[in-house]
Amino acid sequence: MEIKVLEKNDMSMRLLIRGADVPFMNALRRIILAEVPCMAIDEVVILENSSILQDEIIAHRLGLIPLKTDLEGYNLPEECPCKSEFGCNLCRVSLALDTEAKEGTRTVYSGELISENPDITPVSDKIPIVKLAKEQNLKLEAYARLGKGKNHAKWQPVSMCTYKYFPQIKISKQCDACGKCVEVCPRKVLVKAGDRIEIRDLMACTLCQDCVDVCPMNPPAIEVSWKEDTIIFNIESTGVLSPERMMNEAVKILNEQLKEFIRQVKVKKSEKG
């Protein structure tokens, strides 16, 4: 397998993977969505709330705020030695909020949450929680824990995780450059250059085949296909973990799952004699 990084920053990464097939890439994708753990607020104790929103709505909004995650410093609740439903400092982080609208209407933002661990804080300080009118207040304690996306979407570390085949586009010499394929393309993959059609951005192609369908020639002067052993893999983080860390964790989890699968197969064989 050959892996090439096409684009990468703090929030997203695009990989070109050669020598891989769809089942393997889909396994990685599903593990990133459902198995890679991250922090999220799981329990909220409302001490005072005179806002227009009910306690349950505020708790729900708090749960959907992405939190920066430290996978080394905390255990999953089910794996923590404390075995307590309330948690301990190894599997739980406390965040507090105590605010009041003294002079007029104001919006309470995620940046006002005070965490007991400065490494576990909201990814953004500008996520609105609630709007308070004059003399309304909100006081609460929130508890964040590690969790997995298969249990609740708030524990999904990505906002987007997709893959697609590497596209191939061939334009025959019979093309009369009418430009209809350029106009219909939703991703502006093609461009008309004088008396011919050229490929402007091959990576943007979604393999929709619209350009083939609209071509007036018979057979069409343009052909869209893909390489079955070459995949473009996209990860977009919510900010809780870096894209590289999510990919590394997914590979480790997949490896452990395969080892367990092999172990179970051997057990079944030995039971059958």
C-alpha atoms as a PDB file:
ATOM      1  CA  MET A   1       0.000   0.000   0.000  1.00  0.00           C
ATOM      2  CA  GLU A   2       1.246   3.470  -0.915  1.00  0.00           C
ATOM      3  CA  ILE A   3      -0.024   6.571   0.904  1.00  0.00           C
ATOM      4  CA  LYS A   4       0.461  10.151  -0.234  1.00  0.00           C
ATOM      5  CA  VAL A   5      -0.728  13.234   1.662  1.00  0.00           C
ATOM      6  CA  LEU A   6      -2.441  15.559  -0.820  1.00  0.00           C
ATOM      7  CA  GLU A   7      -3.605  18.232   1.648  1.00  0.00           C
ATOM      8  CA  LYS A   8      -3.221  18.644   5.404  1.00  0.00           C
ATOM      9  CA  ASN A   9      -3.862  21.266   8.062  1.00  0.00           C
ATOM     10  CA  ASP A  10      -4.936  21.309  11.713  1.00  0.00           C
ATOM     11  CA  MET A  11      -8.550  20.409  10.891  1.00  0.00           C
ATOM     12  CA  SER A  12      -8.543  18.301   7.730  1.00  0.00           C
ATOM     13  CA  MET A  13      -6.468  15.877   5.686  1.00  0.00           C
ATOM     14  CA  ARG A  14      -6.780  14.350   2.225  1.00  0.00           C
ATOM     15  CA  LEU A  15      -4.901  11.164   1.375  1.00  0.00           C
ATOM     16  CA  LEU A  16      -4.233   9.347  -1.898  1.00  0.00           C
ATOM     17  CA  ILE A  17      -4.015   5.624  -1.137  1.00  0.00           C
ATOM     18  CA  ARG A  18      -2.841   3.148  -3.748  1.00  0.00           C
ATOM     19  CA  GLY A  19      -3.111  -0.607  -3.351  1.00  0.00           C
ATOM     20  CA  ALA A  20      -6.198  -0.463  -1.096  1.00  0.00           C
ATOM     21  CA  ASP A  21      -9.728  -1.707  -1.673  1.00  0.00           C
ATOM     22  CA  VAL A  22     -13.140  -0.383  -0.675  1.00  0.00           C
ATOM     23  CA  PRO A  23     -13.817  -2.840   2.218  1.00  0.00           C
ATOM     24  CA  PHE A  24     -10.588  -1.815   3.948  1.00  0.00           C
ATOM     25  CA  MET A  25     -11.182   1.906   3.493  1.00  0.00           C
ATOM     26  CA  ASN A  26     -14.793   1.590   4.625  1.00  0.00           C
ATOM     27  CA  ALA A  27     -13.642  -0.265   7.745  1.00  0.00           C
ATOM     28  CA  LEU A  28     -11.318   2.641   8.596  1.00  0.00           C
ATOM     29  CA  ARG A  29     -14.071   5.150   7.910  1.00  0.00           C
ATOM     30  CA  ARG A  30     -16.576   3.371  10.155  1.00  0.00           C
ATOM     31  CA  ILE A  31     -14.022   3.005  12.961  1.00  0.00           C
ATOM     32  CA  ILE A  32     -13.208   6.734  12.842  1.00  0.00           C
ATOM     33  CA  LEU A  33     -16.935   7.533  13.052  1.00  0.00           C
ATOM     34  CA  ALA A  34     -17.928   4.975  15.662  1.00  0.00           C
ATOM     35  CA  GLU A  35     -14.906   3.729  17.616  1.00  0.00           C
ATOM     36  CA  VAL A  36     -12.275   6.471  17.993  1.00  0.00           C
ATOM     37  CA  PRO A  37     -13.058   8.050  21.404  1.00  0.00           C
ATOM     38  CA  CYS A  38     -13.190  11.750  22.229  1.00  0.00           C
ATOM     39  CA  MET A  39     -14.401  14.014  25.044  1.00  0.00           C
ATOM     40  CA  ALA A  40     -17.940  15.392  25.291  1.00  0.00           C
ATOM     41  CA  ILE A  41     -20.142  16.683  28.082  1.00  0.00           C
ATOM     42  CA  ASP A  42     -22.237  13.749  29.269  1.00  0.00           C
ATOM     43  CA  GLU A  43     -23.879  15.009  32.446  1.00  0.00           C
ATOM     44  CA  VAL A  44     -25.071  18.459  33.503  1.00  0.00           C
ATOM     45  CA  VAL A  45     -26.223  19.670  36.910  1.00  0.00           C
ATOM     46  CA  ILE A  46     -28.276  22.868  36.582  1.00  0.00           C
ATOM     47  CA  LEU A  47     -28.002  24.955  39.761  1.00  0.00           C
ATOM     48  CA  GLU A  48     -29.821  28.072  38.533  1.00  0.00           C
ATOM     49  CA  ASN A  49     -31.586  28.758  35.239  1.00  0.00           C
ATOM     50  CA  SER A  50     -33.887  31.709  34.691  1.00  0.00           C
ATOM     51  CA  SER A  51     -33.384  31.769  30.910  1.00  0.00           C
ATOM     52  CA  ILE A  52     -36.137  31.006  28.411  1.00  0.00           C
ATOM     53  CA  LEU A  53     -34.593  27.612  27.558  1.00  0.00           C
ATOM     54  CA  GLN A  54     -35.429  24.525  29.593  1.00  0.00           C
ATOM     55  CA  ASP A  55     -32.698  22.693  31.498  1.00  0.00           C
ATOM     56  CA  GLU A  56     -32.824  19.750  29.082  1.00  0.00           C
ATOM     57  CA  ILE A  57     -32.275  21.943  26.022  1.00  0.00           C
ATOM     58  CA  ILE A  58     -29.255  23.646  27.603  1.00  0.00           C
ATOM     59  CA  ALA A  59     -27.798  20.267  28.596  1.00  0.00           C
ATOM     60  CA  HIS A  60     -28.279  19.013  25.034  1.00  0.00           C
ATOM     61  CA  ARG A  61     -26.544  22.076  23.567  1.00  0.00           C
ATOM     62  CA  LEU A  62     -23.634  21.675  25.990  1.00  0.00           C
ATOM     63  CA  GLY A  63     -23.232  18.037  24.954  1.00  0.00           C
ATOM     64  CA  LEU A  64     -22.761  19.027  21.312  1.00  0.00           C
ATOM     65  CA  ILE A  65     -19.882  21.445  22.029  1.00  0.00           C
ATOM     66  CA  PRO A  66     -16.641  19.807  20.727  1.00  0.00           C
ATOM     67  CA  LEU A  67     -13.987  19.539  23.453  1.00  0.00           C
ATOM     68  CA  LYS A  68     -10.246  19.228  22.960  1.00  0.00           C
ATOM     69  CA  THR A  69      -9.340  15.667  23.906  1.00  0.00           C
ATOM     70  CA  ASP A  70      -6.427  14.091  25.802  1.00  0.00           C
ATOM     71  CA  LEU A  71      -6.540  10.357  25.099  1.00  0.00           C
ATOM     72  CA  GLU A  72      -3.484   9.595  27.237  1.00  0.00           C
ATOM     73  CA  GLY A  73      -4.715  11.349  30.382  1.00  0.00           C
ATOM     74  CA  TYR A  74      -8.181   9.778  30.663  1.00  0.00           C
ATOM     75  CA  ASN A  75      -9.825   6.366  30.567  1.00  0.00           C
ATOM     76  CA  LEU A  76     -13.098   5.342  29.008  1.00  0.00           C
ATOM     77  CA  PRO A  77     -15.653   5.135  31.863  1.00  0.00           C
ATOM     78  CA  GLU A  78     -16.174   1.403  31.320  1.00  0.00           C
ATOM     79  CA  GLU A  79     -12.404   0.790  31.492  1.00  0.00           C
ATOM     80  CA  CYS A  80     -11.606   3.061  34.456  1.00  0.00           C
ATOM     81  CA  PRO A  81     -10.377   1.315  37.661  1.00  0.00           C
ATOM     82  CA  CYS A  82     -12.769   3.449  39.752  1.00  0.00           C
ATOM     83  CA  LYS A  83     -15.789   1.479  38.455  1.00  0.00           C
ATOM     84  CA  SER A  84     -17.982   4.344  39.668  1.00  0.00           C
ATOM     85  CA  GLU A  85     -21.055   5.716  37.922  1.00  0.00           C
ATOM     86  CA  PHE A  86     -19.997   9.185  39.064  1.00  0.00           C
ATOM     87  CA  GLY A  87     -16.446   8.867  37.704  1.00  0.00           C
ATOM     88  CA  CYS A  88     -13.120  10.069  39.045  1.00  0.00           C
ATOM     89  CA  ASN A  89     -10.270  12.357  37.953  1.00  0.00           C
ATOM     90  CA  LEU A  90      -9.067   9.602  35.611  1.00  0.00           C
ATOM     91  CA  CYS A  91     -12.285   9.376  33.594  1.00  0.00           C
ATOM     92  CA  ARG A  92     -14.142  12.647  34.169  1.00  0.00           C
ATOM     93  CA  VAL A  93     -13.525  16.378  33.720  1.00  0.00           C
ATOM     94  CA  SER A  94     -15.607  19.036  35.448  1.00  0.00           C
ATOM     95  CA  LEU A  95     -16.584  22.305  33.754  1.00  0.00           C
ATOM     96  CA  ALA A  96     -18.432  25.152  35.441  1.00  0.00           C
ATOM     97  CA  LEU A  97     -20.533  28.044  34.165  1.00  0.00           C
ATOM     98  CA  ASP A  98     -21.796  30.938  36.282  1.00  0.00           C
ATOM     99  CA  THR A  99     -23.060  33.944  34.342  1.00  0.00           C
ATOM    100  CA  GLU A 100     -25.685  36.690  34.536  1.00  0.00           C
ATOM    101  CA  ALA A 101     -27.071  39.383  32.231  1.00  0.00           C
ATOM    102  CA  LYS A 102     -26.720  42.475  34.413  1.00  0.00           C
ATOM    103  CA  GLU A 103     -27.142  45.355  31.978  1.00  0.00           C
ATOM    104  CA  GLY A 104     -29.172  43.935  29.101  1.00  0.00           C
ATOM    105  CA  THR A 105     -29.649  41.009  26.744  1.00  0.00           C
ATOM    106  CA  ARG A 106     -26.464  39.022  26.115  1.00  0.00           C
ATOM    107  CA  THR A 107     -25.415  35.711  24.592  1.00  0.00           C
ATOM    108  CA  VAL A 108     -23.567  33.134  26.678  1.00  0.00           C
ATOM    109  CA  TYR A 109     -20.744  31.500  24.710  1.00  0.00           C
ATOM    110  CA  SER A 110     -18.727  28.308  25.131  1.00  0.00           C
ATOM    111  CA  GLY A 111     -15.658  30.343  26.076  1.00  0.00           C
ATOM    112  CA  GLU A 112     -17.310  31.088  29.428  1.00  0.00           C
ATOM    113  CA  LEU A 113     -17.094  27.429  30.489  1.00  0.00           C
ATOM    114  CA  ILE A 114     -14.332  27.057  33.089  1.00  0.00           C
ATOM    115  CA  SER A 115     -12.631  23.649  32.971  1.00  0.00           C
ATOM    116  CA  GLU A 116     -10.718  22.085  35.839  1.00  0.00           C
ATOM    117  CA  ASN A 117      -8.223  20.853  33.215  1.00  0.00           C
ATOM    118  CA  PRO A 118      -6.914  23.601  30.881  1.00  0.00           C
ATOM    119  CA  ASP A 119      -6.231  20.932  28.217  1.00  0.00           C
ATOM    120  CA  ILE A 120      -9.929  19.928  28.064  1.00  0.00           C
ATOM    121  CA  THR A 121     -11.698  23.041  26.793  1.00  0.00           C
ATOM    122  CA  PRO A 122     -14.147  23.887  23.984  1.00  0.00           C
ATOM    123  CA  VAL A 123     -12.586  23.838  20.530  1.00  0.00           C
ATOM    124  CA  SER A 124     -14.093  27.282  19.894  1.00  0.00           C
ATOM    125  CA  ASP A 125     -14.910  30.062  22.339  1.00  0.00           C
ATOM    126  CA  LYS A 126     -17.679  31.413  20.094  1.00  0.00           C
ATOM    127  CA  ILE A 127     -20.277  28.622  20.227  1.00  0.00           C
ATOM    128  CA  PRO A 128     -23.553  30.143  21.540  1.00  0.00           C
ATOM    129  CA  ILE A 129     -25.203  28.303  24.435  1.00  0.00           C
ATOM    130  CA  VAL A 130     -28.128  30.511  25.428  1.00  0.00           C
ATOM    131  CA  LYS A 131     -29.315  34.112  25.240  1.00  0.00           C
ATOM    132  CA  LEU A 132     -30.083  35.815  28.564  1.00  0.00           C
ATOM    133  CA  ALA A 133     -32.363  38.817  29.050  1.00  0.00           C
ATOM    134  CA  LYS A 134     -31.636  41.432  31.685  1.00  0.00           C
ATOM    135  CA  GLU A 135     -31.343  39.981  35.217  1.00  0.00           C
ATOM    136  CA  GLN A 136     -31.556  36.382  33.955  1.00  0.00           C
ATOM    137  CA  ASN A 137     -28.782  34.032  35.041  1.00  0.00           C
ATOM    138  CA  LEU A 138     -27.399  30.567  34.439  1.00  0.00           C
ATOM    139  CA  LYS A 139     -25.300  28.512  36.824  1.00  0.00           C
ATOM    140  CA  LEU A 140     -24.341  24.903  36.221  1.00  0.00           C
ATOM    141  CA  GLU A 141     -21.742  22.168  36.536  1.00  0.00           C
ATOM    142  CA  ALA A 142     -20.992  19.920  33.565  1.00  0.00           C
ATOM    143  CA  TYR A 143     -19.049  16.661  33.473  1.00  0.00           C
ATOM    144  CA  ALA A 144     -17.228  15.519  30.337  1.00  0.00           C
ATOM    145  CA  ARG A 145     -16.209  11.944  29.638  1.00  0.00           C
ATOM    146  CA  LEU A 146     -14.608   9.955  26.851  1.00  0.00           C
ATOM    147  CA  GLY A 147     -17.086   8.164  24.634  1.00  0.00           C
ATOM    148  CA  LYS A 148     -17.563   6.628  21.196  1.00  0.00           C
ATOM    149  CA  GLY A 149     -19.665   7.721  18.253  1.00  0.00           C
ATOM    150  CA  LYS A 150     -21.521   4.395  18.185  1.00  0.00           C
ATOM    151  CA  ASN A 151     -23.159   5.429  21.486  1.00  0.00           C
ATOM    152  CA  HIS A 152     -23.956   9.057  20.593  1.00  0.00           C
ATOM    153  CA  ALA A 153     -23.124  11.434  17.744  1.00  0.00           C
ATOM    154  CA  LYS A 154     -21.627  13.957  20.212  1.00  0.00           C
ATOM    155  CA  TRP A 155     -18.658  11.579  20.550  1.00  0.00           C
ATOM    156  CA  GLN A 156     -17.904  11.530  16.814  1.00  0.00           C
ATOM    157  CA  PRO A 157     -14.490  13.204  16.368  1.00  0.00           C
ATOM    158  CA  VAL A 158     -15.134  14.107  12.716  1.00  0.00           C
ATOM    159  CA  SER A 159     -17.572  16.353  10.922  1.00  0.00           C
ATOM    160  CA  MET A 160     -16.815  14.554   7.652  1.00  0.00           C
ATOM    161  CA  CYS A 161     -15.081  11.282   6.766  1.00  0.00           C
ATOM    162  CA  THR A 162     -15.433  10.061   3.166  1.00  0.00           C
ATOM    163  CA  TYR A 163     -13.636   8.165   0.426  1.00  0.00           C
ATOM    164  CA  LYS A 164     -13.984   7.807  -3.322  1.00  0.00           C
ATOM    165  CA  TYR A 165     -12.236   6.117  -6.203  1.00  0.00           C
ATOM    166  CA  PHE A 166      -9.504   8.078  -7.958  1.00  0.00           C
ATOM    167  CA  PRO A 167     -11.227   9.442 -11.103  1.00  0.00           C
ATOM    168  CA  GLN A 168     -10.050   9.043 -14.700  1.00  0.00           C
ATOM    169  CA  ILE A 169     -11.322  11.266 -17.522  1.00  0.00           C
ATOM    170  CA  LYS A 170     -10.620  10.695 -21.197  1.00  0.00           C
ATOM    171  CA  ILE A 171     -11.615  13.180 -23.896  1.00  0.00           C
ATOM    172  CA  SER A 172     -11.524  11.781 -27.427  1.00  0.00           C
ATOM    173  CA  LYS A 173     -10.148  13.597 -30.478  1.00  0.00           C
ATOM    174  CA  GLN A 174     -13.670  13.651 -31.951  1.00  0.00           C
ATOM    175  CA  CYS A 175     -14.776  16.201 -29.313  1.00  0.00           C
ATOM    176  CA  ASP A 176     -16.010  19.396 -30.998  1.00  0.00           C
ATOM    177  CA  ALA A 177     -15.638  21.467 -27.784  1.00  0.00           C
ATOM    178  CA  CYS A 178     -19.307  22.458 -27.658  1.00  0.00           C
ATOM    179  CA  GLY A 179     -18.850  23.213 -23.963  1.00  0.00           C
ATOM    180  CA  LYS A 180     -21.975  21.477 -22.651  1.00  0.00           C
ATOM    181  CA  CYS A 181     -19.919  19.191 -20.413  1.00  0.00           C
ATOM    182  CA  VAL A 182     -18.192  22.247 -18.918  1.00  0.00           C
ATOM    183  CA  GLU A 183     -21.502  23.941 -18.155  1.00  0.00           C
ATOM    184  CA  VAL A 184     -23.160  20.924 -16.546  1.00  0.00           C
ATOM    185  CA  CYS A 185     -20.251  19.889 -14.277  1.00  0.00           C
ATOM    186  CA  PRO A 186     -21.211  20.796 -10.660  1.00  0.00           C
ATOM    187  CA  ARG A 187     -17.585  20.809  -9.480  1.00  0.00           C
ATOM    188  CA  LYS A 188     -16.082  22.730 -12.426  1.00  0.00           C
ATOM    189  CA  VAL A 189     -13.706  19.882 -13.241  1.00  0.00           C
ATOM    190  CA  LEU A 190     -13.544  20.790 -16.944  1.00  0.00           C
ATOM    191  CA  VAL A 191     -12.692  24.025 -18.721  1.00  0.00           C
ATOM    192  CA  LYS A 192     -13.014  25.132 -22.347  1.00  0.00           C
ATOM    193  CA  ALA A 193      -9.676  26.272 -23.762  1.00  0.00           C
ATOM    194  CA  GLY A 194     -10.108  27.525 -27.309  1.00  0.00           C
ATOM    195  CA  ASP A 195     -11.155  24.654 -29.542  1.00  0.00           C
ATOM    196  CA  ARG A 196     -10.709  21.887 -26.971  1.00  0.00           C
ATOM    197  CA  ILE A 197     -11.890  20.750 -23.526  1.00  0.00           C
ATOM    198  CA  GLU A 198      -9.286  20.414 -20.789  1.00  0.00           C
ATOM    199  CA  ILE A 199      -9.301  18.948 -17.293  1.00  0.00           C
ATOM    200  CA  ARG A 200      -8.976  21.747 -14.730  1.00  0.00           C
ATOM    201  CA  ASP A 201      -9.222  19.828 -11.429  1.00  0.00           C
ATOM    202  CA  LEU A 202      -9.292  16.027 -11.684  1.00  0.00           C
ATOM    203  CA  MET A 203      -9.431  15.508  -7.885  1.00  0.00           C
ATOM    204  CA  ALA A 204     -12.718  17.434  -7.673  1.00  0.00           C
ATOM    205  CA  CYS A 205     -14.526  14.932  -9.909  1.00  0.00           C
ATOM    206  CA  THR A 206     -17.337  13.089  -8.078  1.00  0.00           C
ATOM    207  CA  LEU A 207     -17.870  10.514 -10.866  1.00  0.00           C
ATOM    208  CA  CYS A 208     -21.440  11.743 -11.360  1.00  0.00           C
ATOM    209  CA  GLN A 209     -21.318  11.091 -15.140  1.00  0.00           C
ATOM    210  CA  ASP A 210     -23.323  14.267 -15.914  1.00  0.00           C
ATOM    211  CA  CYS A 211     -20.733  15.331 -18.488  1.00  0.00           C
ATOM    212  CA  VAL A 212     -21.079  11.974 -20.267  1.00  0.00           C
ATOM    213  CA  ASP A 213     -24.888  12.148 -20.259  1.00  0.00           C
ATOM    214  CA  VAL A 214     -25.014  15.686 -21.692  1.00  0.00           C
ATOM    215  CA  CYS A 215     -22.527  15.085 -24.505  1.00  0.00           C
ATOM    216  CA  PRO A 216     -24.457  15.314 -27.823  1.00  0.00           C
ATOM    217  CA  MET A 217     -22.102  12.958 -29.665  1.00  0.00           C
ATOM    218  CA  ASN A 218     -22.791   9.253 -30.068  1.00  0.00           C
ATOM    219  CA  PRO A 219     -20.806   7.619 -28.588  1.00  0.00           C
ATOM    220  CA  PRO A 220     -19.950  10.397 -26.087  1.00  0.00           C
ATOM    221  CA  ALA A 221     -16.639  12.130 -26.705  1.00  0.00           C
ATOM    222  CA  ILE A 222     -15.881  12.064 -22.982  1.00  0.00           C
ATOM    223  CA  GLU A 223     -15.407   9.003 -20.783  1.00  0.00           C
ATOM    224  CA  VAL A 224     -15.378   9.032 -16.955  1.00  0.00           C
ATOM    225  CA  SER A 225     -14.084   5.999 -15.047  1.00  0.00           C
ATOM    226  CA  TRP A 226     -11.994   5.240 -11.960  1.00  0.00           C
ATOM    227  CA  LYS A 227      -9.054   3.240 -10.659  1.00  0.00           C
ATOM    228  CA  GLU A 228     -10.366   0.470  -8.420  1.00  0.00           C
ATOM    229  CA  ASP A 229      -7.104   0.128  -6.458  1.00  0.00           C
ATOM    230  CA  THR A 230      -6.659   3.862  -5.804  1.00  0.00           C
ATOM    231  CA  ILE A 231      -8.712   5.730  -3.197  1.00  0.00           C
ATOM    232  CA  ILE A 232      -8.990   9.376  -2.158  1.00  0.00           C
ATOM    233  CA  PHE A 233      -9.685   9.501   1.589  1.00  0.00           C
ATOM    234  CA  ASN A 234     -10.919  12.702   3.274  1.00  0.00           C
ATOM    235  CA  ILE A 235     -11.014  13.458   7.006  1.00  0.00           C
ATOM    236  CA  GLU A 236     -12.367  16.666   8.517  1.00  0.00           C
ATOM    237  CA  SER A 237     -11.973  16.932  12.292  1.00  0.00           C
ATOM    238  CA  THR A 238     -14.282  18.820  14.640  1.00  0.00           C
ATOM    239  CA  GLY A 239     -11.102  19.988  16.372  1.00  0.00           C
ATOM    240  CA  VAL A 240     -11.178  17.478  19.234  1.00  0.00           C
ATOM    241  CA  LEU A 241      -8.290  15.471  17.743  1.00  0.00           C
ATOM    242  CA  SER A 242      -5.891  16.050  14.870  1.00  0.00           C
ATOM    243  CA  PRO A 243      -6.629  14.153  11.629  1.00  0.00           C
ATOM    244  CA  GLU A 244      -3.340  12.248  11.953  1.00  0.00           C
ATOM    245  CA  ARG A 245      -4.179  11.130  15.479  1.00  0.00           C
ATOM    246  CA  MET A 246      -7.616   9.917  14.417  1.00  0.00           C
ATOM    247  CA  MET A 247      -6.140   7.893  11.573  1.00  0.00           C
ATOM    248  CA  ASN A 248      -3.501   6.350  13.862  1.00  0.00           C
ATOM    249  CA  GLU A 249      -6.131   5.445  16.463  1.00  0.00           C
ATOM    250  CA  ALA A 250      -8.376   3.920  13.798  1.00  0.00           C
ATOM    251  CA  VAL A 251      -5.560   1.717  12.486  1.00  0.00           C
ATOM    252  CA  LYS A 252      -4.736   0.543  16.035  1.00  0.00           C
ATOM    253  CA  ILE A 253      -8.380  -0.247  16.772  1.00  0.00           C
ATOM    254  CA  LEU A 254      -8.779  -2.141  13.481  1.00  0.00           C
ATOM    255  CA  ASN A 255      -5.631  -4.139  14.245  1.00  0.00           C
ATOM    256  CA  GLU A 256      -6.971  -5.089  17.694  1.00  0.00           C
ATOM    257  CA  GLN A 257     -10.332  -6.075  16.224  1.00  0.00           C
ATOM    258  CA  LEU A 258      -8.646  -8.326  13.651  1.00  0.00           C
ATOM    259  CA  LYS A 259      -6.552  -9.974  16.367  1.00  0.00           C
ATOM    260  CA  GLU A 260      -9.699 -10.628  18.395  1.00  0.00           C
ATOM    261  CA  PHE A 261     -11.440 -12.021  15.313  1.00  0.00           C
ATOM    262  CA  ILE A 262      -8.562 -14.443  14.688  1.00  0.00           C
ATOM    263  CA  ARG A 263      -8.593 -15.467  18.351  1.00  0.00           C
ATOM    264  CA  GLN A 264     -12.332 -16.172  18.245  1.00  0.00           C
ATOM    265  CA  VAL A 265     -11.929 -18.257  15.079  1.00  0.00           C
ATOM    266  CA  LYS A 266      -9.222 -20.353  16.761  1.00  0.00           C
ATOM    267  CA  VAL A 267     -11.433 -20.855  19.825  1.00  0.00           C
ATOM    268  CA  LYS A 268     -14.342 -22.066  17.685  1.00  0.00           C
ATOM    269  CA  LYS A 269     -12.066 -24.461  15.797  1.00  0.00           C
ATOM    270  CA  SER A 270     -10.693 -25.928  19.038  1.00  0.00           C
ATOM    271  CA  GLU A 271     -14.241 -26.376  20.406  1.00  0.00           C
ATOM    272  CA  LYS A 272     -15.221 -28.369  17.321  1.00  0.00           C
ATOM    273  CA  GLY A 273     -12.215 -30.604  17.892  1.00  0.00           C
END
